Amino acid sequence: MKTPTRTTQTLDAAGKAPGRLATQIATMLIGKNHATWAPNVDAGDVVDVSNASKMAVTGKKMEQKTYYAHTGGPRGLSAKLMKTVWAKDPSDILRRAVDRMLPKNRHRNERMKRLTIKN
């Protein structure tokens, strides 16, 4: 099997909404922006994002949006508000959005390794 040629895409996150930016990033990581896209081939690009701490979050999302995680055990549900995640690491919000927009298959972890986000 031939290894795909990957280009590096650079994006500036300043002033952009995390969800809209995440859809662009997911499309590039999957490789749907290429004419040779195939669903069984991981031929996406490498994506570098800068200025993640300058993303524009609209509305009351900081106080109302909740991220859930479950351990699998009894009473294992944990919830974090967006403002606590943002205070710890603003790039984590974009990383979570991109991760959940990618297809849930074997290519997902390799695609996420090609994403670098800088504050």
C-alpha atoms as a PDB file:
ATOM      1  CA  MET A   1       0.000   0.000   0.000  1.00  0.00           C
ATOM      2  CA  LYS A   2       1.298   3.416  -0.953  1.00  0.00           C
ATOM      3  CA  THR A   3       1.697   5.969   1.839  1.00  0.00           C
ATOM      4  CA  PRO A   4      -0.241   9.172   1.203  1.00  0.00           C
ATOM      5  CA  THR A   5       1.526  12.499   0.774  1.00  0.00           C
ATOM      6  CA  ARG A   6       0.405  14.781   3.565  1.00  0.00           C
ATOM      7  CA  THR A   7       0.522  18.549   3.462  1.00  0.00           C
ATOM      8  CA  THR A   8       0.527  20.766   6.533  1.00  0.00           C
ATOM      9  CA  GLN A   9      -2.495  23.033   6.895  1.00  0.00           C
ATOM     10  CA  THR A  10      -2.116  26.022   9.239  1.00  0.00           C
ATOM     11  CA  LEU A  11      -5.168  27.699  10.766  1.00  0.00           C
ATOM     12  CA  ASP A  12      -5.562  30.759  12.992  1.00  0.00           C
ATOM     13  CA  ALA A  13      -8.292  30.304  15.617  1.00  0.00           C
ATOM     14  CA  ALA A  14      -8.452  33.947  16.702  1.00  0.00           C
ATOM     15  CA  GLY A  15     -12.027  35.258  16.610  1.00  0.00           C
ATOM     16  CA  LYS A  16     -13.537  32.013  15.280  1.00  0.00           C
ATOM     17  CA  ALA A  17     -16.163  29.825  16.935  1.00  0.00           C
ATOM     18  CA  PRO A  18     -14.825  26.462  18.172  1.00  0.00           C
ATOM     19  CA  GLY A  19     -17.515  24.401  16.422  1.00  0.00           C
ATOM     20  CA  ARG A  20     -17.077  26.022  13.017  1.00  0.00           C
ATOM     21  CA  LEU A  21     -13.324  25.673  13.283  1.00  0.00           C
ATOM     22  CA  ALA A  22     -13.661  22.031  14.354  1.00  0.00           C
ATOM     23  CA  THR A  23     -15.634  21.137  11.218  1.00  0.00           C
ATOM     24  CA  GLN A  24     -12.874  22.576   9.014  1.00  0.00           C
ATOM     25  CA  ILE A  25     -10.209  20.700  10.955  1.00  0.00           C
ATOM     26  CA  ALA A  26     -12.123  17.404  10.868  1.00  0.00           C
ATOM     27  CA  THR A  27     -12.585  17.693   7.099  1.00  0.00           C
ATOM     28  CA  MET A  28      -8.849  18.237   6.623  1.00  0.00           C
ATOM     29  CA  LEU A  29      -7.879  15.382   8.971  1.00  0.00           C
ATOM     30  CA  ILE A  30     -10.219  12.978   7.156  1.00  0.00           C
ATOM     31  CA  GLY A  31      -8.976  14.116   3.748  1.00  0.00           C
ATOM     32  CA  LYS A  32     -12.324  15.076   2.242  1.00  0.00           C
ATOM     33  CA  ASN A  33     -10.776  18.243   0.834  1.00  0.00           C
ATOM     34  CA  HIS A  34      -8.799  16.117  -1.662  1.00  0.00           C
ATOM     35  CA  ALA A  35     -10.126  14.803  -4.966  1.00  0.00           C
ATOM     36  CA  THR A  36      -8.718  11.352  -4.204  1.00  0.00           C
ATOM     37  CA  TRP A  37     -10.724  10.843  -0.985  1.00  0.00           C
ATOM     38  CA  ALA A  38     -11.759   7.294  -0.173  1.00  0.00           C
ATOM     39  CA  PRO A  39     -13.548   6.242   3.031  1.00  0.00           C
ATOM     40  CA  ASN A  40     -11.199   3.330   3.732  1.00  0.00           C
ATOM     41  CA  VAL A  41      -7.941   5.273   3.283  1.00  0.00           C
ATOM     42  CA  ASP A  42      -6.554   7.653   5.892  1.00  0.00           C
ATOM     43  CA  ALA A  43      -5.076  10.242   3.523  1.00  0.00           C
ATOM     44  CA  GLY A  44      -5.780  13.423   5.486  1.00  0.00           C
ATOM     45  CA  ASP A  45      -3.460  16.327   6.131  1.00  0.00           C
ATOM     46  CA  VAL A  46      -1.496  17.474   9.163  1.00  0.00           C
ATOM     47  CA  VAL A  47      -3.280  20.404  10.831  1.00  0.00           C
ATOM     48  CA  ASP A  48      -1.602  23.062  12.991  1.00  0.00           C
ATOM     49  CA  VAL A  49      -3.860  25.489  14.877  1.00  0.00           C
ATOM     50  CA  SER A  50      -2.607  28.625  16.618  1.00  0.00           C
ATOM     51  CA  ASN A  51      -4.229  31.164  18.970  1.00  0.00           C
ATOM     52  CA  ALA A  52      -6.676  28.706  20.543  1.00  0.00           C
ATOM     53  CA  SER A  53      -7.012  30.934  23.598  1.00  0.00           C
ATOM     54  CA  LYS A  54      -8.420  33.715  21.375  1.00  0.00           C
ATOM     55  CA  MET A  55     -11.406  31.719  20.074  1.00  0.00           C
ATOM     56  CA  ALA A  56     -14.761  33.469  20.270  1.00  0.00           C
ATOM     57  CA  VAL A  57     -17.332  31.655  22.415  1.00  0.00           C
ATOM     58  CA  THR A  58     -20.789  33.114  21.884  1.00  0.00           C
ATOM     59  CA  GLY A  59     -23.853  33.257  24.098  1.00  0.00           C
ATOM     60  CA  LYS A  60     -23.920  31.706  27.562  1.00  0.00           C
ATOM     61  CA  LYS A  61     -21.938  28.621  26.623  1.00  0.00           C
ATOM     62  CA  MET A  62     -19.250  29.263  29.235  1.00  0.00           C
ATOM     63  CA  GLU A  63     -21.810  28.925  32.050  1.00  0.00           C
ATOM     64  CA  GLN A  64     -24.237  26.446  30.437  1.00  0.00           C
ATOM     65  CA  LYS A  65     -22.292  24.009  28.230  1.00  0.00           C
ATOM     66  CA  THR A  66     -21.367  20.817  30.060  1.00  0.00           C
ATOM     67  CA  TYR A  67     -18.879  18.111  29.093  1.00  0.00           C
ATOM     68  CA  TYR A  68     -19.793  14.644  30.356  1.00  0.00           C
ATOM     69  CA  ALA A  69     -17.592  11.588  30.904  1.00  0.00           C
ATOM     70  CA  HIS A  70     -18.469   8.207  32.359  1.00  0.00           C
ATOM     71  CA  THR A  71     -16.104   5.712  33.967  1.00  0.00           C
ATOM     72  CA  GLY A  72     -18.415   2.784  33.317  1.00  0.00           C
ATOM     73  CA  GLY A  73     -18.906   2.037  36.990  1.00  0.00           C
ATOM     74  CA  PRO A  74     -21.790   2.875  39.290  1.00  0.00           C
ATOM     75  CA  ARG A  75     -22.119   6.627  39.816  1.00  0.00           C
ATOM     76  CA  GLY A  76     -19.273   7.128  37.359  1.00  0.00           C
ATOM     77  CA  LEU A  77     -20.752  10.134  35.559  1.00  0.00           C
ATOM     78  CA  SER A  78     -18.680  13.302  35.866  1.00  0.00           C
ATOM     79  CA  ALA A  79     -19.565  16.702  34.467  1.00  0.00           C
ATOM     80  CA  LYS A  80     -17.419  19.781  33.822  1.00  0.00           C
ATOM     81  CA  LEU A  81     -18.573  23.215  32.770  1.00  0.00           C
ATOM     82  CA  MET A  82     -16.974  24.843  29.761  1.00  0.00           C
ATOM     83  CA  LYS A  83     -15.524  27.674  31.847  1.00  0.00           C
ATOM     84  CA  THR A  84     -13.556  25.227  34.039  1.00  0.00           C
ATOM     85  CA  VAL A  85     -12.193  23.390  30.994  1.00  0.00           C
ATOM     86  CA  TRP A  86     -11.333  26.746  29.356  1.00  0.00           C
ATOM     87  CA  ALA A  87      -9.543  27.970  32.506  1.00  0.00           C
ATOM     88  CA  LYS A  88      -7.352  24.861  32.589  1.00  0.00           C
ATOM     89  CA  ASP A  89      -6.604  24.579  28.838  1.00  0.00           C
ATOM     90  CA  PRO A  90      -8.495  26.459  26.058  1.00  0.00           C
ATOM     91  CA  SER A  91      -7.134  24.141  23.389  1.00  0.00           C
ATOM     92  CA  ASP A  92      -8.904  21.198  25.062  1.00  0.00           C
ATOM     93  CA  ILE A  93     -12.276  22.597  23.981  1.00  0.00           C
ATOM     94  CA  LEU A  94     -11.252  22.543  20.334  1.00  0.00           C
ATOM     95  CA  ARG A  95      -9.641  19.113  20.715  1.00  0.00           C
ATOM     96  CA  ARG A  96     -12.846  17.658  22.206  1.00  0.00           C
ATOM     97  CA  ALA A  97     -14.954  19.155  19.411  1.00  0.00           C
ATOM     98  CA  VAL A  98     -12.722  17.752  16.661  1.00  0.00           C
ATOM     99  CA  ASP A  99     -12.494  14.333  18.326  1.00  0.00           C
ATOM    100  CA  ARG A 100     -16.272  14.010  18.484  1.00  0.00           C
ATOM    101  CA  MET A 101     -16.700  15.102  14.847  1.00  0.00           C
ATOM    102  CA  LEU A 102     -14.389  12.418  13.479  1.00  0.00           C
ATOM    103  CA  PRO A 103     -15.848   9.032  12.516  1.00  0.00           C
ATOM    104  CA  LYS A 104     -15.729   6.480  15.303  1.00  0.00           C
ATOM    105  CA  ASN A 105     -13.458   3.952  13.567  1.00  0.00           C
ATOM    106  CA  ARG A 106      -9.870   2.694  13.536  1.00  0.00           C
ATOM    107  CA  HIS A 107      -8.497   5.813  11.847  1.00  0.00           C
ATOM    108  CA  ARG A 108      -9.642   8.151  14.610  1.00  0.00           C
ATOM    109  CA  ASN A 109      -6.586   7.932  16.902  1.00  0.00           C
ATOM    110  CA  GLU A 110      -4.130   8.345  14.045  1.00  0.00           C
ATOM    111  CA  ARG A 111      -6.015  11.377  12.774  1.00  0.00           C
ATOM    112  CA  MET A 112      -5.996  13.018  16.206  1.00  0.00           C
ATOM    113  CA  LYS A 113      -2.212  12.524  16.414  1.00  0.00           C
ATOM    114  CA  ARG A 114      -1.860  14.722  13.305  1.00  0.00           C
ATOM    115  CA  LEU A 115      -3.599  17.649  15.066  1.00  0.00           C
ATOM    116  CA  THR A 116      -1.488  20.147  17.024  1.00  0.00           C
ATOM    117  CA  ILE A 117      -3.102  23.063  18.850  1.00  0.00           C
ATOM    118  CA  LYS A 118      -1.169  25.961  20.348  1.00  0.00           C
ATOM    119  CA  ASN A 119      -2.536  28.569  22.697  1.00  0.00           C
END
